[in-house]
Amino acid sequence: MKFLYARVSSVTQNADRQILNESEFDRVYVDKCSGKNTDRPQLQAMLDNLRPGDEIICKSIDRLARNTFDLEKLLKEISEKGCSVRFEKESLTFVPGSENSISNLTMHIMSAIAQFERELIKERQAEGIAIAKAKGKFKGGTKKLSDYDAKELKKLVLAKEISIKEAMKRYGISRASVYNYLKQNKGD
C-alpha cells in the first residue's frame, strides 16, 4: 500500500500543500500537532497499519520528525517492518536493506536543520513571552476550571471513579489540562 503522511503544527493550519494528489494514495494520515516528539495519533495509526512492502511518502523530513533521534528511530521502525519512506522535497528514499551513505548523511544534515529550527522557534517564543511579561501584557493561560471543579476532577480521577478520557469529556478540557490539574496542589 502507498501511504501519505502530512503534519502541520496546529489545528488552525491546513495541510493541503503537503497532500500532492490524494487519489494516488491508499491512505492519507494528517496530524495537526507539534512534531516535537512522535506521540502523534495519526503517525501512530500509520505505523500500526504498516505491512511489508508498504511505502510512505512525506513532503519533507521535518514533517515526519523535528529531531535526529526521532527520525532515526522512525526510519529504523519503518525499515524493520519491511517498508520504505520517500521524502519529496529532499529527493531521498529509504528502502529496507539498502544502506546509502549519501542518503544517510543528507538525512542527518536535514534532520539537524529541522531540530535547529524547532529550537529557534522555542527560543523566540520564550523571548516574546519574557518581553510581554516585562510590559505586563502576558498573564499566562486562563484557568479552565473553577477551584471546586479542579478539586473534584482530581478526587474522581485519583480515586479511579472516572478515567482521564471521561474527565476530558465531563469537564471539556484536553488530556494535557487534566494532567496539569492532577499535578497542581499535591497536598489536596
N, C-alpha and C. Protein backbone atom coordinates (compact mmCIF):
# COMPACT_ATOMS: atom_id res chain seq x y z
N MET A 1 0.84 -1.19 0.00
CA MET A 1 0.00 0.00 0.00
C MET A 1 0.88 1.24 0.00
N LYS A 2 0.31 2.32 -0.46
CA LYS A 2 1.02 3.59 -0.54
C LYS A 2 0.34 4.57 0.42
N PHE A 3 1.12 5.04 1.42
CA PHE A 3 0.59 5.96 2.43
C PHE A 3 1.20 7.34 2.25
N LEU A 4 0.41 8.36 2.55
CA LEU A 4 0.93 9.73 2.62
C LEU A 4 0.84 10.15 4.07
N TYR A 5 1.94 10.69 4.59
CA TYR A 5 1.92 11.26 5.94
C TYR A 5 2.19 12.75 5.83
N ALA A 6 1.29 13.54 6.42
CA ALA A 6 1.44 15.00 6.45
C ALA A 6 1.26 15.48 7.88
N ARG A 7 1.90 16.61 8.20
CA ARG A 7 1.76 17.17 9.54
C ARG A 7 1.85 18.68 9.47
N VAL A 8 0.93 19.33 10.18
CA VAL A 8 1.00 20.76 10.41
C VAL A 8 1.06 20.95 11.92
N SER A 9 1.50 22.13 12.36
CA SER A 9 1.78 22.32 13.79
C SER A 9 0.56 22.63 14.65
N SER A 10 -0.55 23.03 14.05
CA SER A 10 -1.72 23.36 14.86
C SER A 10 -3.01 23.06 14.10
N VAL A 11 -4.11 22.99 14.83
CA VAL A 11 -5.40 22.67 14.22
C VAL A 11 -5.89 23.76 13.28
N THR A 12 -5.36 24.97 13.41
CA THR A 12 -5.79 26.06 12.54
C THR A 12 -5.06 26.06 11.21
N GLN A 13 -4.00 25.26 11.09
CA GLN A 13 -3.24 25.22 9.85
C GLN A 13 -3.83 24.18 8.89
N ASN A 14 -3.50 24.35 7.62
CA ASN A 14 -4.03 23.49 6.57
C ASN A 14 -2.89 22.68 5.96
N ALA A 15 -3.10 21.39 5.77
CA ALA A 15 -2.05 20.50 5.23
C ALA A 15 -2.13 20.34 3.72
N ASP A 16 -2.96 21.12 3.04
CA ASP A 16 -3.18 20.94 1.60
C ASP A 16 -1.89 20.99 0.78
N ARG A 17 -0.95 21.86 1.13
CA ARG A 17 0.28 21.95 0.32
C ARG A 17 1.13 20.69 0.41
N GLN A 18 0.89 19.86 1.43
CA GLN A 18 1.64 18.62 1.59
C GLN A 18 0.95 17.44 0.91
N ILE A 19 -0.32 17.59 0.62
CA ILE A 19 -1.07 16.49 0.02
C ILE A 19 -1.03 16.66 -1.48
N LEU A 20 -0.10 15.95 -2.09
CA LEU A 20 0.19 16.11 -3.52
C LEU A 20 -1.02 15.78 -4.38
N ASN A 21 -1.38 14.52 -4.45
CA ASN A 21 -2.54 14.08 -5.21
C ASN A 21 -3.16 12.94 -4.40
N GLU A 22 -4.14 13.26 -3.61
CA GLU A 22 -4.71 12.31 -2.65
C GLU A 22 -5.14 10.99 -3.30
N SER A 23 -5.58 11.03 -4.54
CA SER A 23 -6.06 9.81 -5.19
C SER A 23 -4.94 8.81 -5.47
N GLU A 24 -3.69 9.26 -5.41
CA GLU A 24 -2.54 8.37 -5.63
C GLU A 24 -2.31 7.42 -4.45
N PHE A 25 -2.90 7.75 -3.31
CA PHE A 25 -2.57 7.04 -2.08
C PHE A 25 -3.72 6.15 -1.60
N ASP A 26 -3.33 5.03 -0.99
CA ASP A 26 -4.33 4.14 -0.41
C ASP A 26 -4.87 4.74 0.89
N ARG A 27 -3.99 5.41 1.63
CA ARG A 27 -4.40 6.06 2.88
C ARG A 27 -3.61 7.35 3.06
N VAL A 28 -4.28 8.34 3.65
CA VAL A 28 -3.64 9.62 3.96
C VAL A 28 -3.78 9.84 5.46
N TYR A 29 -2.66 10.12 6.11
CA TYR A 29 -2.62 10.38 7.54
C TYR A 29 -2.16 11.82 7.74
N VAL A 30 -2.96 12.61 8.48
CA VAL A 30 -2.62 14.01 8.73
C VAL A 30 -2.70 14.29 10.22
N ASP A 31 -1.58 14.71 10.79
CA ASP A 31 -1.55 15.15 12.18
C ASP A 31 -1.57 16.66 12.22
N LYS A 32 -2.30 17.21 13.18
CA LYS A 32 -2.34 18.65 13.38
C LYS A 32 -1.83 18.93 14.78
N CYS A 33 -0.52 18.73 14.95
CA CYS A 33 0.12 18.94 16.24
C CYS A 33 1.62 19.09 16.04
N SER A 34 2.29 19.48 17.08
CA SER A 34 3.73 19.70 17.03
C SER A 34 4.49 18.43 16.65
N GLY A 35 5.62 18.62 16.03
CA GLY A 35 6.49 17.50 15.69
C GLY A 35 7.59 17.31 16.72
N LYS A 36 7.40 17.88 17.92
CA LYS A 36 8.45 17.82 18.95
C LYS A 36 8.76 16.40 19.40
N ASN A 37 7.79 15.49 19.24
CA ASN A 37 8.03 14.08 19.57
C ASN A 37 7.19 13.21 18.63
N THR A 38 7.21 11.91 18.86
CA THR A 38 6.48 11.00 17.96
C THR A 38 5.13 10.59 18.53
N ASP A 39 4.71 11.23 19.59
CA ASP A 39 3.42 10.93 20.20
C ASP A 39 2.32 11.70 19.47
N ARG A 40 2.03 11.23 18.24
CA ARG A 40 1.04 11.86 17.39
C ARG A 40 0.06 10.78 16.93
N PRO A 41 -1.25 11.02 17.08
CA PRO A 41 -2.23 9.96 16.80
C PRO A 41 -2.18 9.39 15.39
N GLN A 42 -2.09 10.23 14.38
CA GLN A 42 -2.10 9.72 13.01
C GLN A 42 -0.79 9.03 12.66
N LEU A 43 0.32 9.52 13.19
CA LEU A 43 1.60 8.84 12.97
C LEU A 43 1.56 7.45 13.56
N GLN A 44 1.06 7.35 14.79
CA GLN A 44 0.99 6.03 15.45
C GLN A 44 0.03 5.10 14.70
N ALA A 45 -1.09 5.64 14.22
CA ALA A 45 -2.05 4.82 13.46
C ALA A 45 -1.39 4.30 12.18
N MET A 46 -0.63 5.16 11.51
CA MET A 46 0.04 4.74 10.29
C MET A 46 1.05 3.64 10.59
N LEU A 47 1.85 3.84 11.62
CA LEU A 47 2.86 2.83 11.98
C LEU A 47 2.20 1.49 12.32
N ASP A 48 1.06 1.55 13.00
CA ASP A 48 0.34 0.32 13.36
C ASP A 48 -0.20 -0.41 12.12
N ASN A 49 -0.51 0.34 11.06
CA ASN A 49 -1.11 -0.24 9.85
C ASN A 49 -0.09 -0.70 8.81
N LEU A 50 1.19 -0.44 9.05
CA LEU A 50 2.21 -0.82 8.07
C LEU A 50 2.35 -2.33 7.93
N ARG A 51 2.51 -2.76 6.68
CA ARG A 51 2.77 -4.15 6.34
C ARG A 51 3.96 -4.19 5.40
N PRO A 52 4.71 -5.31 5.36
CA PRO A 52 5.87 -5.39 4.47
C PRO A 52 5.52 -4.98 3.04
N GLY A 53 6.39 -4.15 2.46
CA GLY A 53 6.18 -3.68 1.09
C GLY A 53 5.47 -2.35 0.99
N ASP A 54 4.90 -1.85 2.09
CA ASP A 54 4.22 -0.56 2.06
C ASP A 54 5.24 0.56 1.85
N GLU A 55 4.75 1.68 1.29
CA GLU A 55 5.60 2.85 1.04
C GLU A 55 4.94 4.07 1.68
N ILE A 56 5.77 4.87 2.37
CA ILE A 56 5.30 6.11 3.00
C ILE A 56 5.91 7.27 2.22
N ILE A 57 5.08 8.24 1.88
CA ILE A 57 5.54 9.45 1.21
C ILE A 57 5.32 10.62 2.16
N CYS A 58 6.36 11.45 2.33
CA CYS A 58 6.27 12.68 3.12
C CYS A 58 6.76 13.84 2.26
N LYS A 59 6.15 14.99 2.43
CA LYS A 59 6.58 16.17 1.68
C LYS A 59 8.03 16.50 2.01
N SER A 60 8.40 16.48 3.32
CA SER A 60 9.77 16.77 3.72
C SER A 60 10.08 16.10 5.06
N ILE A 61 11.35 15.99 5.36
CA ILE A 61 11.81 15.32 6.57
C ILE A 61 11.20 15.93 7.83
N ASP A 62 11.14 17.27 7.89
CA ASP A 62 10.64 17.91 9.11
C ASP A 62 9.16 17.67 9.37
N ARG A 63 8.43 17.15 8.39
CA ARG A 63 7.04 16.79 8.62
C ARG A 63 6.95 15.47 9.39
N LEU A 64 7.93 14.59 9.20
CA LEU A 64 7.93 13.31 9.92
C LEU A 64 8.55 13.46 11.30
N ALA A 65 9.65 14.19 11.41
CA ALA A 65 10.32 14.35 12.71
C ALA A 65 11.06 15.67 12.75
N ARG A 66 11.14 16.24 13.95
CA ARG A 66 11.82 17.52 14.15
C ARG A 66 13.16 17.36 14.85
N ASN A 67 13.59 16.12 15.10
CA ASN A 67 14.93 15.93 15.65
C ASN A 67 15.53 14.63 15.12
N THR A 68 16.83 14.58 15.14
CA THR A 68 17.57 13.46 14.55
C THR A 68 17.24 12.14 15.23
N PHE A 69 17.16 12.16 16.56
CA PHE A 69 16.89 10.92 17.30
C PHE A 69 15.56 10.32 16.88
N ASP A 70 14.49 11.13 16.86
CA ASP A 70 13.17 10.63 16.48
C ASP A 70 13.15 10.15 15.03
N LEU A 71 13.82 10.88 14.15
CA LEU A 71 13.84 10.48 12.74
C LEU A 71 14.53 9.14 12.57
N GLU A 72 15.69 8.97 13.20
CA GLU A 72 16.41 7.69 13.10
C GLU A 72 15.57 6.54 13.65
N LYS A 73 14.92 6.79 14.77
CA LYS A 73 14.08 5.76 15.40
C LYS A 73 12.92 5.37 14.48
N LEU A 74 12.26 6.38 13.90
CA LEU A 74 11.13 6.12 13.00
C LEU A 74 11.58 5.37 11.74
N LEU A 75 12.69 5.82 11.14
CA LEU A 75 13.18 5.15 9.94
C LEU A 75 13.56 3.70 10.24
N LYS A 76 14.13 3.47 11.39
CA LYS A 76 14.50 2.10 11.78
C LYS A 76 13.24 1.24 11.95
N GLU A 77 12.25 1.78 12.66
CA GLU A 77 11.00 1.05 12.89
C GLU A 77 10.30 0.73 11.56
N ILE A 78 10.25 1.70 10.67
CA ILE A 78 9.60 1.51 9.38
C ILE A 78 10.37 0.48 8.55
N SER A 79 11.69 0.58 8.56
CA SER A 79 12.53 -0.37 7.82
C SER A 79 12.39 -1.78 8.36
N GLU A 80 12.33 -1.92 9.69
CA GLU A 80 12.17 -3.25 10.30
C GLU A 80 10.84 -3.89 9.94
N LYS A 81 9.86 -3.07 9.57
CA LYS A 81 8.56 -3.60 9.14
C LYS A 81 8.57 -3.91 7.64
N GLY A 82 9.73 -3.70 6.99
CA GLY A 82 9.85 -4.00 5.57
C GLY A 82 9.24 -2.95 4.67
N CYS A 83 9.20 -1.70 5.15
CA CYS A 83 8.57 -0.62 4.40
C CYS A 83 9.59 0.45 4.03
N SER A 84 9.27 1.24 3.03
CA SER A 84 10.16 2.31 2.58
C SER A 84 9.54 3.67 2.88
N VAL A 85 10.42 4.69 2.88
CA VAL A 85 9.99 6.07 3.11
C VAL A 85 10.63 6.95 2.03
N ARG A 86 9.80 7.83 1.44
CA ARG A 86 10.32 8.76 0.44
C ARG A 86 9.98 10.18 0.89
N PHE A 87 11.00 11.05 0.87
CA PHE A 87 10.83 12.46 1.20
C PHE A 87 10.92 13.25 -0.10
N GLU A 88 9.82 13.87 -0.50
CA GLU A 88 9.72 14.56 -1.77
C GLU A 88 10.69 15.75 -1.88
N LYS A 89 10.65 16.63 -0.93
CA LYS A 89 11.44 17.87 -1.01
C LYS A 89 12.94 17.59 -1.11
N GLU A 90 13.41 16.62 -0.32
CA GLU A 90 14.83 16.31 -0.27
C GLU A 90 15.25 15.28 -1.32
N SER A 91 14.29 14.72 -2.04
CA SER A 91 14.54 13.66 -3.03
C SER A 91 15.32 12.50 -2.42
N LEU A 92 14.88 12.07 -1.24
CA LEU A 92 15.52 10.96 -0.53
C LEU A 92 14.54 9.81 -0.38
N THR A 93 15.03 8.60 -0.59
CA THR A 93 14.22 7.40 -0.37
C THR A 93 15.02 6.43 0.48
N PHE A 94 14.36 5.89 1.49
CA PHE A 94 14.98 4.90 2.37
C PHE A 94 14.24 3.59 2.20
N VAL A 95 14.96 2.60 1.69
CA VAL A 95 14.40 1.29 1.40
C VAL A 95 15.05 0.28 2.35
N PRO A 96 14.27 -0.61 2.96
CA PRO A 96 14.86 -1.57 3.88
C PRO A 96 15.94 -2.42 3.21
N GLY A 97 17.06 -2.59 3.91
CA GLY A 97 18.13 -3.43 3.41
C GLY A 97 19.09 -2.76 2.45
N SER A 98 18.84 -1.49 2.12
CA SER A 98 19.77 -0.81 1.21
C SER A 98 20.34 0.43 1.90
N GLU A 99 21.55 0.28 2.40
CA GLU A 99 22.22 1.40 3.06
C GLU A 99 22.86 2.29 2.00
N ASN A 100 22.63 3.57 2.09
CA ASN A 100 23.22 4.52 1.16
C ASN A 100 23.84 5.63 1.99
N SER A 101 25.17 5.71 1.99
CA SER A 101 25.87 6.66 2.86
C SER A 101 25.54 8.11 2.52
N ILE A 102 25.35 8.42 1.25
CA ILE A 102 24.99 9.80 0.86
C ILE A 102 23.59 10.14 1.38
N SER A 103 22.65 9.23 1.22
CA SER A 103 21.29 9.47 1.73
C SER A 103 21.30 9.62 3.25
N ASN A 104 22.07 8.78 3.95
CA ASN A 104 22.14 8.88 5.41
C ASN A 104 22.75 10.20 5.85
N LEU A 105 23.81 10.64 5.18
CA LEU A 105 24.43 11.92 5.50
C LEU A 105 23.44 13.06 5.28
N THR A 106 22.78 13.05 4.12
CA THR A 106 21.81 14.10 3.80
C THR A 106 20.68 14.10 4.82
N MET A 107 20.19 12.90 5.19
CA MET A 107 19.12 12.80 6.18
C MET A 107 19.56 13.40 7.51
N HIS A 108 20.79 13.11 7.94
CA HIS A 108 21.28 13.65 9.21
C HIS A 108 21.42 15.18 9.16
N ILE A 109 21.90 15.68 8.06
CA ILE A 109 22.03 17.14 7.92
C ILE A 109 20.65 17.80 7.95
N MET A 110 19.71 17.26 7.17
CA MET A 110 18.38 17.85 7.10
C MET A 110 17.63 17.74 8.43
N SER A 111 17.79 16.63 9.13
CA SER A 111 17.11 16.49 10.42
C SER A 111 17.75 17.39 11.47
N ALA A 112 19.07 17.62 11.37
CA ALA A 112 19.72 18.56 12.29
C ALA A 112 19.20 19.98 12.05
N ILE A 113 18.97 20.33 10.79
CA ILE A 113 18.41 21.64 10.47
C ILE A 113 16.99 21.76 11.02
N ALA A 114 16.18 20.71 10.87
CA ALA A 114 14.81 20.72 11.40
C ALA A 114 14.83 20.88 12.92
N GLN A 115 15.76 20.19 13.57
CA GLN A 115 15.88 20.29 15.03
C GLN A 115 16.30 21.71 15.42
N PHE A 116 17.24 22.28 14.68
CA PHE A 116 17.69 23.65 14.93
C PHE A 116 16.54 24.64 14.79
N GLU A 117 15.72 24.47 13.74
CA GLU A 117 14.55 25.33 13.54
C GLU A 117 13.60 25.25 14.72
N ARG A 118 13.35 24.03 15.20
CA ARG A 118 12.46 23.82 16.35
C ARG A 118 12.99 24.56 17.58
N GLU A 119 14.30 24.46 17.81
CA GLU A 119 14.90 25.13 18.96
C GLU A 119 14.83 26.65 18.83
N LEU A 120 15.00 27.17 17.60
CA LEU A 120 14.87 28.61 17.37
C LEU A 120 13.44 29.09 17.67
N ILE A 121 12.47 28.31 17.25
CA ILE A 121 11.07 28.65 17.50
C ILE A 121 10.84 28.76 19.01
N LYS A 122 11.32 27.77 19.76
CA LYS A 122 11.14 27.78 21.21
C LYS A 122 11.84 28.98 21.85
N GLU A 123 13.06 29.31 21.38
CA GLU A 123 13.78 30.47 21.92
C GLU A 123 13.03 31.76 21.65
N ARG A 124 12.56 31.92 20.43
CA ARG A 124 11.82 33.14 20.08
C ARG A 124 10.54 33.27 20.89
N GLN A 125 9.86 32.15 21.08
CA GLN A 125 8.64 32.16 21.87
C GLN A 125 8.93 32.59 23.30
N ALA A 126 10.00 32.02 23.89
CA ALA A 126 10.37 32.37 25.27
C ALA A 126 10.75 33.84 25.38
N GLU A 127 11.49 34.34 24.38
CA GLU A 127 11.86 35.76 24.37
C GLU A 127 10.62 36.65 24.30
N GLY A 128 9.69 36.27 23.42
CA GLY A 128 8.46 37.05 23.28
C GLY A 128 7.64 37.08 24.56
N ILE A 129 7.55 35.94 25.22
CA ILE A 129 6.81 35.87 26.49
C ILE A 129 7.50 36.71 27.55
N ALA A 130 8.83 36.65 27.63
CA ALA A 130 9.59 37.44 28.62
C ALA A 130 9.36 38.94 28.40
N ILE A 131 9.39 39.37 27.14
CA ILE A 131 9.16 40.78 26.84
C ILE A 131 7.73 41.18 27.20
N ALA A 132 6.76 40.35 26.85
CA ALA A 132 5.35 40.65 27.16
C ALA A 132 5.14 40.69 28.67
N LYS A 133 5.79 39.78 29.41
CA LYS A 133 5.66 39.79 30.88
C LYS A 133 6.25 41.07 31.46
N ALA A 134 7.40 41.48 30.94
CA ALA A 134 8.05 42.70 31.42
C ALA A 134 7.16 43.92 31.19
N LYS A 135 6.37 43.90 30.12
CA LYS A 135 5.48 45.01 29.81
C LYS A 135 4.12 44.85 30.48
N GLY A 136 3.95 43.74 31.22
CA GLY A 136 2.68 43.49 31.89
C GLY A 136 1.57 43.04 30.96
N LYS A 137 1.91 42.56 29.78
CA LYS A 137 0.91 42.18 28.79
C LYS A 137 0.66 40.67 28.75
N PHE A 138 1.48 39.90 29.43
CA PHE A 138 1.32 38.45 29.39
C PHE A 138 0.93 37.95 30.78
N LYS A 139 -0.21 37.33 30.85
CA LYS A 139 -0.69 36.83 32.13
C LYS A 139 -0.64 35.31 32.20
N GLY A 140 -0.27 34.67 31.10
CA GLY A 140 -0.29 33.20 31.07
C GLY A 140 -1.66 32.73 30.63
N GLY A 141 -1.82 31.43 30.59
CA GLY A 141 -3.10 30.85 30.19
C GLY A 141 -4.19 31.10 31.22
N THR A 142 -5.42 31.09 30.78
CA THR A 142 -6.53 31.27 31.71
C THR A 142 -6.95 29.92 32.27
N LYS A 143 -7.41 29.92 33.51
CA LYS A 143 -7.86 28.69 34.15
C LYS A 143 -9.13 28.21 33.45
N LYS A 144 -9.17 26.94 33.19
CA LYS A 144 -10.33 26.37 32.50
C LYS A 144 -11.40 25.92 33.50
N LEU A 145 -10.97 25.58 34.72
CA LEU A 145 -11.91 25.08 35.73
C LEU A 145 -11.87 25.95 36.98
N SER A 146 -12.99 26.00 37.66
CA SER A 146 -13.03 26.67 38.95
C SER A 146 -12.23 25.84 39.95
N ASP A 147 -11.88 26.42 41.09
CA ASP A 147 -11.14 25.67 42.11
C ASP A 147 -11.93 24.45 42.56
N TYR A 148 -13.24 24.60 42.70
CA TYR A 148 -14.09 23.48 43.11
C TYR A 148 -14.03 22.34 42.08
N ASP A 149 -14.21 22.68 40.78
CA ASP A 149 -14.17 21.67 39.73
C ASP A 149 -12.80 21.00 39.64
N ALA A 150 -11.74 21.78 39.82
CA ALA A 150 -10.38 21.23 39.76
C ALA A 150 -10.17 20.20 40.88
N LYS A 151 -10.65 20.52 42.07
CA LYS A 151 -10.51 19.58 43.20
C LYS A 151 -11.36 18.33 42.97
N GLU A 152 -12.58 18.54 42.44
CA GLU A 152 -13.46 17.41 42.17
C GLU A 152 -12.85 16.49 41.10
N LEU A 153 -12.34 17.08 40.03
CA LEU A 153 -11.70 16.30 38.97
C LEU A 153 -10.57 15.46 39.55
N LYS A 154 -9.72 16.09 40.33
CA LYS A 154 -8.56 15.39 40.92
C LYS A 154 -9.02 14.24 41.82
N LYS A 155 -10.02 14.52 42.64
CA LYS A 155 -10.52 13.48 43.55
C LYS A 155 -11.09 12.29 42.78
N LEU A 156 -11.90 12.55 41.76
CA LEU A 156 -12.53 11.49 40.99
C LEU A 156 -11.51 10.65 40.21
N VAL A 157 -10.54 11.31 39.60
CA VAL A 157 -9.54 10.58 38.81
C VAL A 157 -8.62 9.77 39.72
N LEU A 158 -8.15 10.37 40.80
CA LEU A 158 -7.24 9.66 41.70
C LEU A 158 -7.93 8.48 42.39
N ALA A 159 -9.24 8.61 42.63
CA ALA A 159 -10.00 7.52 43.24
C ALA A 159 -10.43 6.49 42.19
N LYS A 160 -10.04 6.74 40.94
CA LYS A 160 -10.36 5.86 39.80
C LYS A 160 -11.87 5.71 39.59
N GLU A 161 -12.62 6.77 39.97
CA GLU A 161 -14.06 6.78 39.72
C GLU A 161 -14.36 7.17 38.27
N ILE A 162 -13.44 7.94 37.66
CA ILE A 162 -13.54 8.25 36.24
C ILE A 162 -12.15 8.15 35.62
N SER A 163 -12.11 7.87 34.32
CA SER A 163 -10.83 7.78 33.60
C SER A 163 -10.41 9.18 33.14
N ILE A 164 -9.19 9.26 32.65
CA ILE A 164 -8.70 10.52 32.09
C ILE A 164 -9.60 10.95 30.93
N LYS A 165 -9.96 9.99 30.09
CA LYS A 165 -10.81 10.29 28.93
C LYS A 165 -12.19 10.81 29.39
N GLU A 166 -12.74 10.17 30.42
CA GLU A 166 -14.03 10.63 30.93
C GLU A 166 -13.92 12.02 31.54
N ALA A 167 -12.80 12.30 32.22
CA ALA A 167 -12.58 13.63 32.80
C ALA A 167 -12.50 14.68 31.70
N MET A 168 -11.82 14.34 30.60
CA MET A 168 -11.71 15.26 29.46
C MET A 168 -13.10 15.62 28.95
N LYS A 169 -13.93 14.60 28.79
CA LYS A 169 -15.27 14.80 28.24
C LYS A 169 -16.15 15.57 29.23
N ARG A 170 -16.14 15.16 30.49
CA ARG A 170 -17.00 15.77 31.51
C ARG A 170 -16.70 17.25 31.70
N TYR A 171 -15.39 17.60 31.72
CA TYR A 171 -15.01 18.98 32.02
C TYR A 171 -14.68 19.81 30.77
N GLY A 172 -14.72 19.16 29.60
CA GLY A 172 -14.47 19.88 28.35
C GLY A 172 -13.05 20.42 28.23
N ILE A 173 -12.07 19.63 28.70
CA ILE A 173 -10.68 20.07 28.65
C ILE A 173 -9.82 19.01 27.97
N SER A 174 -8.62 19.39 27.62
CA SER A 174 -7.70 18.48 26.92
C SER A 174 -7.05 17.51 27.91
N ARG A 175 -6.44 16.48 27.37
CA ARG A 175 -5.70 15.49 28.19
C ARG A 175 -4.60 16.20 28.98
N ALA A 176 -3.88 17.11 28.32
CA ALA A 176 -2.79 17.84 28.99
C ALA A 176 -3.33 18.64 30.17
N SER A 177 -4.51 19.26 29.99
CA SER A 177 -5.10 20.05 31.09
C SER A 177 -5.48 19.15 32.26
N VAL A 178 -6.02 17.96 31.97
CA VAL A 178 -6.35 17.02 33.06
C VAL A 178 -5.10 16.72 33.87
N TYR A 179 -4.01 16.38 33.17
CA TYR A 179 -2.76 16.05 33.87
C TYR A 179 -2.21 17.25 34.64
N ASN A 180 -2.37 18.45 34.07
CA ASN A 180 -1.91 19.65 34.78
C ASN A 180 -2.70 19.84 36.08
N TYR A 181 -4.01 19.64 36.03
CA TYR A 181 -4.82 19.76 37.25
C TYR A 181 -4.46 18.67 38.26
N LEU A 182 -4.11 17.49 37.80
CA LEU A 182 -3.71 16.42 38.71
C LEU A 182 -2.39 16.75 39.41
N LYS A 183 -1.50 17.46 38.71
CA LYS A 183 -0.20 17.83 39.29
C LYS A 183 -0.32 18.97 40.30
N GLN A 184 -1.30 19.85 40.10
CA GLN A 184 -1.46 21.02 40.97
C GLN A 184 -1.90 20.60 42.36
N ASN A 185 -1.52 21.41 43.32
CA ASN A 185 -1.97 21.24 44.71
C ASN A 185 -1.78 19.81 45.19
N LYS A 186 -0.56 19.33 45.15
CA LYS A 186 -0.28 17.95 45.54
C LYS A 186 -0.73 17.66 46.96
N GLY A 187 -0.87 18.68 47.78
CA GLY A 187 -1.28 18.48 49.17
C GLY A 187 -2.77 18.26 49.34
N ASP A 188 -3.57 18.43 48.28
CA ASP A 188 -5.04 18.28 48.40
C ASP A 188 -5.42 16.85 48.69
